[in-house]
Amino acid sequence: MFTIEHDFDATVVTLIDEGAAPLQEDVTISAFAECINLEQLDPRTDRVQKITLSIQQVRDLAAALDLPEGAYRLTPVKE
């Protein structure tokens, strides 16, 4: 399950783990114009862990999900 909210400066997606135990804590993804933040509560430390990705890193991740093993570099398409 997931939710989507549009704030004034970001789109916020929350991923809610459902299914068989053990379940993971919710993941919150905040998409800004210049970066993407991923946050998840670490129940062992009771602190929120945060990762910030650049827009290029997100593009690379999206492309990587459909590629086999290897090293790649995305290049802009020339029109």
Protein backbone atom coordinates (compact mmCIF):
# COMPACT_ATOMS: atom_id res chain seq x y z
CA MET A 1 0.00 0.00 0.00
CA PHE A 2 1.16 3.57 -0.56
CA THR A 3 -0.08 7.12 -0.23
CA ILE A 4 0.67 10.23 -2.32
CA GLU A 5 0.45 13.80 -1.04
CA HIS A 6 1.30 17.00 -2.89
CA ASP A 7 2.82 19.66 -0.64
CA PHE A 8 3.69 23.17 -1.81
CA ASP A 9 7.36 22.27 -2.47
CA ALA A 10 7.38 18.47 -2.73
CA THR A 11 5.47 15.35 -3.64
CA VAL A 12 5.48 12.90 -0.71
CA VAL A 13 5.00 9.17 -1.25
CA THR A 14 4.74 6.85 1.75
CA LEU A 15 5.27 3.12 1.22
CA ILE A 16 3.50 0.97 3.81
CA ASP A 17 4.75 -2.60 4.20
CA GLU A 18 1.88 -5.09 4.16
CA GLY A 19 1.90 -8.83 4.17
CA ALA A 20 3.46 -11.55 6.22
CA ALA A 21 5.59 -10.65 9.23
CA PRO A 22 8.26 -9.48 9.75
CA LEU A 23 7.18 -6.13 8.35
CA GLN A 24 9.47 -3.17 7.77
CA GLU A 25 8.82 0.40 8.92
CA ASP A 26 7.11 2.79 6.49
CA VAL A 27 9.35 4.53 3.95
CA THR A 28 8.67 8.19 3.15
CA ILE A 29 9.93 9.57 -0.16
CA SER A 30 9.90 13.35 -0.61
CA ALA A 31 10.51 14.50 -4.18
CA PHE A 32 11.76 18.06 -4.56
CA ALA A 33 12.88 19.83 -7.75
CA GLU A 34 16.57 19.33 -6.89
CA CYS A 35 16.69 16.06 -4.92
CA ILE A 36 14.81 13.08 -3.49
CA ASN A 37 14.82 12.26 0.25
CA LEU A 38 14.10 8.76 1.56
CA GLU A 39 13.35 8.37 5.27
CA GLN A 40 12.65 5.34 7.44
CA LEU A 41 12.45 4.88 11.19
CA ASP A 42 15.12 2.56 12.57
CA PRO A 43 13.32 0.79 15.44
CA ARG A 44 16.63 -0.33 16.98
CA THR A 45 17.79 3.25 17.56
CA ASP A 46 14.37 4.97 17.45
CA ARG A 47 15.85 7.46 14.98
CA VAL A 48 14.83 8.30 11.43
CA GLN A 49 17.45 7.34 8.84
CA LYS A 50 17.63 9.68 5.84
CA ILE A 51 19.16 9.25 2.38
CA THR A 52 19.30 12.08 -0.16
CA LEU A 53 19.63 11.27 -3.87
CA SER A 54 20.26 13.71 -6.69
CA ILE A 55 17.83 13.70 -9.59
CA GLN A 56 20.52 12.04 -11.74
CA GLN A 57 20.95 9.27 -9.15
CA VAL A 58 17.18 8.64 -9.24
CA ARG A 59 17.27 8.44 -13.05
CA ASP A 60 20.17 5.98 -12.85
CA LEU A 61 18.30 3.89 -10.28
CA ALA A 62 15.16 3.79 -12.44
CA ALA A 63 17.21 2.65 -15.44
CA ALA A 64 19.12 0.07 -13.37
CA LEU A 65 15.94 -1.72 -12.35
CA ASP A 66 15.53 -3.02 -15.93
CA LEU A 67 19.16 -3.82 -16.82
CA PRO A 68 21.33 -6.91 -16.33
CA GLU A 69 24.57 -6.91 -14.31
CA GLY A 70 27.24 -4.49 -15.51
CA ALA A 71 28.45 -0.89 -15.37
CA TYR A 72 26.50 1.76 -17.24
CA ARG A 73 26.45 5.51 -17.89
CA LEU A 74 23.29 7.18 -19.11
CA THR A 75 23.81 9.77 -21.82
CA PRO A 76 21.29 12.38 -22.94
CA VAL A 77 19.37 11.63 -26.13
CA LYS A 78 20.29 14.07 -28.91
CA GLU A 79 17.36 15.24 -30.99
